Each structure stands twice: as structure tokens, then as C-alpha cells.
Amino acid sequence: MKIISRLIAAILFILFFFFALKNTQEITLHFFLGYERTDPLVLVLLVCFVGGAILGVLAMTPLVFRHRREASKQRKNLSVLQKEREAQLLAQTQPPQPDSVVPPQHLI
């Protein structure tokens, strides 16, 4: 499996490398207030991809923390239930205890 994943990674690297070689022409990005920037197309694509990936991870962060918090609560609940179950099993395995002998009230 490790060999297959490395082979796929190498193929993807080669594909992206040749894509970058084919897209070296300069492009001009026009921003607000007359600001312009000229960069290679592949660099602009890379920056947009990395920026999108970072924004995606940041968007998922609250959801991940919520799931972790809920999983922690569920683990605590599970440990409490397991302790209760162990106590029940222990109570079932012990022999019954004799009732205490109390003298009847009319004989006293």
C-alpha cells in the first residue's frame, strides 16, 4: 500500500510539474485603486489553491472542535455506564446475604 501511494504521489508530482512548465506565461492581475501585479500563471494558480485550502481548513475548525467535545462527553458517559455494569455484575456474582433477624414487636 505504501508503494502504491508513493507511486500515485510521484505521478501527480510529474503531472503538476509539466503543467507548471506549460503555463509560464505572465499574467497581470488588476486590483483596486489602480494597483497591478504581473506574475507567472502557475504561481497565481498555486497561490489561489493554497489560499483556498487554508480557508477550507479554517472553515472546518469549529466543526472539528465541536465533534471532539461531543466525543469526549460520550467517552465519559460510556465509562460511567461501564462502571455501573461492572457493579451490577459484581452484585449478581455474590451470594445473597441473609436478612437480619429482628425480634417481633409483640414479644418484647
N, C-alpha and C. Protein backbone atom coordinates (compact mmCIF):
# COMPACT_ATOMS: atom_id res chain seq x y z
N MET A 1 0.83 -1.19 0.00
CA MET A 1 0.00 0.00 0.00
C MET A 1 0.87 1.26 0.00
N LYS A 2 1.98 1.21 0.74
CA LYS A 2 2.87 2.35 0.81
C LYS A 2 3.49 2.62 -0.56
N ILE A 3 3.80 1.55 -1.29
CA ILE A 3 4.39 1.70 -2.61
C ILE A 3 3.38 2.33 -3.57
N ILE A 4 2.13 1.91 -3.47
CA ILE A 4 1.09 2.44 -4.36
C ILE A 4 0.88 3.93 -4.09
N SER A 5 0.84 4.32 -2.83
CA SER A 5 0.63 5.74 -2.52
C SER A 5 1.82 6.58 -2.97
N ARG A 6 3.00 6.07 -2.85
CA ARG A 6 4.18 6.82 -3.33
C ARG A 6 4.19 6.90 -4.85
N LEU A 7 3.76 5.85 -5.51
CA LEU A 7 3.69 5.87 -6.97
C LEU A 7 2.66 6.90 -7.44
N ILE A 8 1.52 6.95 -6.79
CA ILE A 8 0.50 7.94 -7.15
C ILE A 8 1.01 9.35 -6.88
N ALA A 9 1.70 9.56 -5.76
CA ALA A 9 2.27 10.87 -5.44
C ALA A 9 3.31 11.28 -6.49
N ALA A 10 4.13 10.35 -6.93
CA ALA A 10 5.14 10.66 -7.95
C ALA A 10 4.47 11.02 -9.28
N ILE A 11 3.44 10.29 -9.65
CA ILE A 11 2.73 10.58 -10.90
C ILE A 11 2.08 11.96 -10.83
N LEU A 12 1.45 12.28 -9.71
CA LEU A 12 0.83 13.60 -9.56
C LEU A 12 1.87 14.71 -9.59
N PHE A 13 3.00 14.48 -8.96
CA PHE A 13 4.07 15.48 -8.99
C PHE A 13 4.53 15.73 -10.41
N ILE A 14 4.74 14.68 -11.17
CA ILE A 14 5.18 14.83 -12.57
C ILE A 14 4.14 15.56 -13.39
N LEU A 15 2.86 15.22 -13.21
CA LEU A 15 1.79 15.91 -13.94
C LEU A 15 1.75 17.39 -13.61
N PHE A 16 1.82 17.73 -12.32
CA PHE A 16 1.79 19.13 -11.93
C PHE A 16 3.04 19.87 -12.38
N PHE A 17 4.17 19.19 -12.39
CA PHE A 17 5.41 19.81 -12.85
C PHE A 17 5.31 20.18 -14.33
N PHE A 18 4.82 19.26 -15.15
CA PHE A 18 4.67 19.56 -16.58
C PHE A 18 3.58 20.60 -16.82
N PHE A 19 2.54 20.61 -16.00
CA PHE A 19 1.52 21.65 -16.08
C PHE A 19 2.15 23.01 -15.82
N ALA A 20 3.02 23.09 -14.82
CA ALA A 20 3.70 24.34 -14.50
C ALA A 20 4.61 24.77 -15.63
N LEU A 21 5.29 23.83 -16.26
CA LEU A 21 6.17 24.18 -17.38
C LEU A 21 5.39 24.71 -18.57
N LYS A 22 4.17 24.21 -18.78
CA LYS A 22 3.37 24.64 -19.91
C LYS A 22 2.70 26.00 -19.67
N ASN A 23 2.60 26.44 -18.41
CA ASN A 23 1.88 27.68 -18.07
C ASN A 23 2.81 28.70 -17.44
N THR A 24 3.85 29.05 -18.13
CA THR A 24 4.82 30.01 -17.59
C THR A 24 4.57 31.44 -18.08
N GLN A 25 3.56 31.64 -18.93
CA GLN A 25 3.32 32.99 -19.45
C GLN A 25 2.93 33.94 -18.31
N GLU A 26 3.25 35.20 -18.50
CA GLU A 26 2.98 36.21 -17.49
C GLU A 26 1.53 36.68 -17.62
N ILE A 27 0.90 36.89 -16.47
CA ILE A 27 -0.44 37.48 -16.46
C ILE A 27 -0.42 38.69 -15.54
N THR A 28 -1.34 39.59 -15.78
CA THR A 28 -1.42 40.80 -14.97
C THR A 28 -2.73 40.77 -14.20
N LEU A 29 -2.62 40.87 -12.89
CA LEU A 29 -3.79 40.95 -12.03
C LEU A 29 -4.05 42.42 -11.73
N HIS A 30 -5.29 42.85 -11.95
CA HIS A 30 -5.68 44.24 -11.71
C HIS A 30 -6.47 44.30 -10.41
N PHE A 31 -5.93 45.02 -9.43
CA PHE A 31 -6.58 45.19 -8.14
C PHE A 31 -7.26 46.55 -8.08
N PHE A 32 -7.81 46.87 -6.91
CA PHE A 32 -8.47 48.15 -6.72
C PHE A 32 -7.45 49.29 -6.67
N LEU A 33 -7.92 50.49 -6.90
CA LEU A 33 -7.12 51.71 -6.83
C LEU A 33 -5.95 51.71 -7.81
N GLY A 34 -6.13 51.02 -8.93
CA GLY A 34 -5.12 51.04 -9.99
C GLY A 34 -3.89 50.19 -9.73
N TYR A 35 -3.90 49.36 -8.70
CA TYR A 35 -2.74 48.51 -8.39
C TYR A 35 -2.74 47.32 -9.33
N GLU A 36 -1.59 47.04 -9.95
CA GLU A 36 -1.45 45.89 -10.85
C GLU A 36 -0.25 45.07 -10.42
N ARG A 37 -0.37 43.77 -10.67
CA ARG A 37 0.73 42.87 -10.34
C ARG A 37 0.88 41.87 -11.47
N THR A 38 2.10 41.67 -11.95
CA THR A 38 2.38 40.74 -13.04
C THR A 38 3.18 39.57 -12.49
N ASP A 39 2.63 38.35 -12.66
CA ASP A 39 3.27 37.13 -12.17
C ASP A 39 3.01 36.01 -13.17
N PRO A 40 3.79 34.92 -13.07
CA PRO A 40 3.52 33.76 -13.92
C PRO A 40 2.17 33.13 -13.55
N LEU A 41 1.49 32.59 -14.54
CA LEU A 41 0.17 32.00 -14.33
C LEU A 41 0.22 30.88 -13.31
N VAL A 42 1.22 30.02 -13.37
CA VAL A 42 1.28 28.88 -12.47
C VAL A 42 1.44 29.34 -11.02
N LEU A 43 2.15 30.44 -10.80
CA LEU A 43 2.31 30.98 -9.45
C LEU A 43 0.98 31.50 -8.92
N VAL A 44 0.22 32.18 -9.76
CA VAL A 44 -1.09 32.68 -9.36
C VAL A 44 -2.02 31.51 -9.03
N LEU A 45 -2.00 30.47 -9.84
CA LEU A 45 -2.82 29.30 -9.57
C LEU A 45 -2.43 28.63 -8.26
N LEU A 46 -1.14 28.52 -8.01
CA LEU A 46 -0.67 27.91 -6.77
C LEU A 46 -1.11 28.72 -5.55
N VAL A 47 -0.98 30.03 -5.62
CA VAL A 47 -1.39 30.89 -4.50
C VAL A 47 -2.89 30.77 -4.26
N CYS A 48 -3.68 30.74 -5.33
CA CYS A 48 -5.14 30.59 -5.18
C CYS A 48 -5.49 29.22 -4.59
N PHE A 49 -4.80 28.18 -5.00
CA PHE A 49 -5.06 26.85 -4.46
C PHE A 49 -4.73 26.77 -2.98
N VAL A 50 -3.56 27.28 -2.61
CA VAL A 50 -3.14 27.24 -1.20
C VAL A 50 -4.06 28.10 -0.35
N GLY A 51 -4.44 29.27 -0.85
CA GLY A 51 -5.37 30.13 -0.11
C GLY A 51 -6.72 29.46 0.09
N GLY A 52 -7.22 28.78 -0.92
CA GLY A 52 -8.49 28.07 -0.80
C GLY A 52 -8.39 26.92 0.19
N ALA A 53 -7.28 26.21 0.18
CA ALA A 53 -7.09 25.10 1.12
C ALA A 53 -7.05 25.63 2.56
N ILE A 54 -6.37 26.74 2.77
CA ILE A 54 -6.29 27.32 4.12
C ILE A 54 -7.67 27.78 4.58
N LEU A 55 -8.42 28.43 3.70
CA LEU A 55 -9.77 28.86 4.07
C LEU A 55 -10.68 27.67 4.36
N GLY A 56 -10.52 26.59 3.61
CA GLY A 56 -11.31 25.39 3.86
C GLY A 56 -11.01 24.78 5.22
N VAL A 57 -9.75 24.73 5.58
CA VAL A 57 -9.36 24.19 6.90
C VAL A 57 -9.90 25.09 8.01
N LEU A 58 -9.80 26.40 7.82
CA LEU A 58 -10.32 27.32 8.84
C LEU A 58 -11.84 27.21 8.97
N ALA A 59 -12.52 26.95 7.87
CA ALA A 59 -13.97 26.80 7.93
C ALA A 59 -14.37 25.53 8.67
N MET A 60 -13.54 24.50 8.61
CA MET A 60 -13.85 23.22 9.26
C MET A 60 -13.47 23.20 10.74
N THR A 61 -12.66 24.14 11.20
CA THR A 61 -12.15 24.13 12.56
C THR A 61 -13.25 24.10 13.63
N PRO A 62 -14.28 24.95 13.57
CA PRO A 62 -15.32 24.88 14.62
C PRO A 62 -16.03 23.53 14.64
N LEU A 63 -16.27 22.96 13.48
CA LEU A 63 -16.94 21.66 13.41
C LEU A 63 -16.08 20.57 14.05
N VAL A 64 -14.79 20.60 13.80
CA VAL A 64 -13.89 19.60 14.37
C VAL A 64 -13.86 19.71 15.90
N PHE A 65 -13.78 20.94 16.40
CA PHE A 65 -13.76 21.11 17.86
C PHE A 65 -15.08 20.68 18.48
N ARG A 66 -16.20 20.93 17.82
CA ARG A 66 -17.50 20.50 18.33
C ARG A 66 -17.57 18.98 18.40
N HIS A 67 -17.08 18.31 17.35
CA HIS A 67 -17.09 16.84 17.35
C HIS A 67 -16.18 16.28 18.44
N ARG A 68 -15.03 16.89 18.64
CA ARG A 68 -14.12 16.42 19.70
C ARG A 68 -14.75 16.58 21.08
N ARG A 69 -15.42 17.71 21.30
CA ARG A 69 -16.06 17.94 22.60
C ARG A 69 -17.17 16.92 22.82
N GLU A 70 -17.96 16.65 21.80
CA GLU A 70 -19.04 15.68 21.94
C GLU A 70 -18.49 14.26 22.13
N ALA A 71 -17.42 13.92 21.45
CA ALA A 71 -16.81 12.61 21.63
C ALA A 71 -16.29 12.44 23.05
N SER A 72 -15.73 13.51 23.61
CA SER A 72 -15.25 13.45 25.00
C SER A 72 -16.41 13.21 25.96
N LYS A 73 -17.53 13.89 25.74
CA LYS A 73 -18.71 13.66 26.58
C LYS A 73 -19.18 12.22 26.47
N GLN A 74 -19.20 11.69 25.27
CA GLN A 74 -19.67 10.32 25.06
C GLN A 74 -18.73 9.31 25.72
N ARG A 75 -17.42 9.58 25.67
CA ARG A 75 -16.47 8.68 26.35
C ARG A 75 -16.70 8.67 27.85
N LYS A 76 -16.97 9.85 28.43
CA LYS A 76 -17.26 9.93 29.87
C LYS A 76 -18.53 9.17 30.20
N ASN A 77 -19.57 9.34 29.39
CA ASN A 77 -20.82 8.62 29.62
C ASN A 77 -20.60 7.11 29.52
N LEU A 78 -19.80 6.70 28.56
CA LEU A 78 -19.53 5.28 28.37
C LEU A 78 -18.79 4.70 29.57
N SER A 79 -17.83 5.44 30.10
CA SER A 79 -17.09 4.93 31.27
C SER A 79 -18.01 4.81 32.48
N VAL A 80 -18.92 5.76 32.65
CA VAL A 80 -19.88 5.68 33.77
C VAL A 80 -20.77 4.46 33.59
N LEU A 81 -21.26 4.23 32.40
CA LEU A 81 -22.12 3.07 32.15
C LEU A 81 -21.36 1.76 32.36
N GLN A 82 -20.10 1.72 31.95
CA GLN A 82 -19.30 0.51 32.16
C GLN A 82 -19.09 0.23 33.64
N LYS A 83 -18.85 1.29 34.42
CA LYS A 83 -18.69 1.10 35.87
C LYS A 83 -19.98 0.60 36.50
N GLU A 84 -21.09 1.14 36.05
CA GLU A 84 -22.39 0.67 36.58
C GLU A 84 -22.61 -0.79 36.21
N ARG A 85 -22.27 -1.16 35.01
CA ARG A 85 -22.45 -2.54 34.56
C ARG A 85 -21.56 -3.49 35.36
N GLU A 86 -20.30 -3.07 35.62
CA GLU A 86 -19.40 -3.88 36.42
C GLU A 86 -19.95 -4.06 37.84
N ALA A 87 -20.53 -3.00 38.39
CA ALA A 87 -21.12 -3.09 39.74
C ALA A 87 -22.30 -4.06 39.74
N GLN A 88 -23.11 -4.03 38.68
CA GLN A 88 -24.24 -4.96 38.58
C GLN A 88 -23.76 -6.40 38.47
N LEU A 89 -22.74 -6.63 37.66
CA LEU A 89 -22.21 -7.99 37.51
C LEU A 89 -21.61 -8.49 38.82
N LEU A 90 -20.93 -7.60 39.54
CA LEU A 90 -20.35 -7.98 40.82
C LEU A 90 -21.46 -8.32 41.82
N ALA A 91 -22.52 -7.56 41.80
CA ALA A 91 -23.64 -7.82 42.71
C ALA A 91 -24.32 -9.14 42.37
N GLN A 92 -24.37 -9.50 41.10
CA GLN A 92 -25.00 -10.75 40.70
C GLN A 92 -24.16 -11.97 41.05
N THR A 93 -22.86 -11.82 41.07
CA THR A 93 -21.98 -12.96 41.35
C THR A 93 -21.85 -13.25 42.84
N GLN A 94 -22.14 -12.29 43.70
CA GLN A 94 -22.03 -12.51 45.13
C GLN A 94 -23.25 -13.28 45.63
N PRO A 95 -23.05 -14.17 46.60
CA PRO A 95 -24.20 -14.90 47.13
C PRO A 95 -25.10 -13.95 47.91
N PRO A 96 -26.38 -14.29 47.99
CA PRO A 96 -27.31 -13.40 48.71
C PRO A 96 -26.95 -13.34 50.20
N GLN A 97 -27.12 -12.21 50.78
CA GLN A 97 -26.84 -12.01 52.20
C GLN A 97 -28.10 -12.33 53.00
N PRO A 98 -27.93 -12.95 54.18
CA PRO A 98 -29.11 -13.27 54.99
C PRO A 98 -29.74 -11.99 55.53
N ASP A 99 -31.05 -12.06 55.67
CA ASP A 99 -31.75 -10.92 56.25
C ASP A 99 -31.38 -10.83 57.72
N SER A 100 -31.37 -9.66 58.25
CA SER A 100 -31.06 -9.51 59.67
C SER A 100 -32.28 -9.97 60.47
N VAL A 101 -32.00 -10.56 61.59
CA VAL A 101 -33.05 -11.10 62.44
C VAL A 101 -33.49 -10.00 63.41
N VAL A 102 -34.74 -9.64 63.30
CA VAL A 102 -35.31 -8.62 64.19
C VAL A 102 -36.40 -9.29 64.99
N PRO A 103 -36.36 -9.15 66.30
CA PRO A 103 -37.41 -9.80 67.11
C PRO A 103 -38.76 -9.13 66.83
N PRO A 104 -39.81 -9.93 66.85
CA PRO A 104 -41.13 -9.36 66.62
C PRO A 104 -41.47 -8.35 67.72
N GLN A 105 -42.27 -7.37 67.42
CA GLN A 105 -42.57 -6.30 68.35
C GLN A 105 -43.48 -6.78 69.51
N HIS A 106 -44.32 -7.76 69.30
CA HIS A 106 -45.24 -8.17 70.39
C HIS A 106 -44.53 -9.04 71.44
N LEU A 107 -43.32 -9.55 71.16
CA LEU A 107 -42.62 -10.37 72.13
C LEU A 107 -41.74 -9.53 73.06
N ILE A 108 -41.53 -8.33 72.75
CA ILE A 108 -40.64 -7.51 73.57
C ILE A 108 -41.32 -7.01 74.80
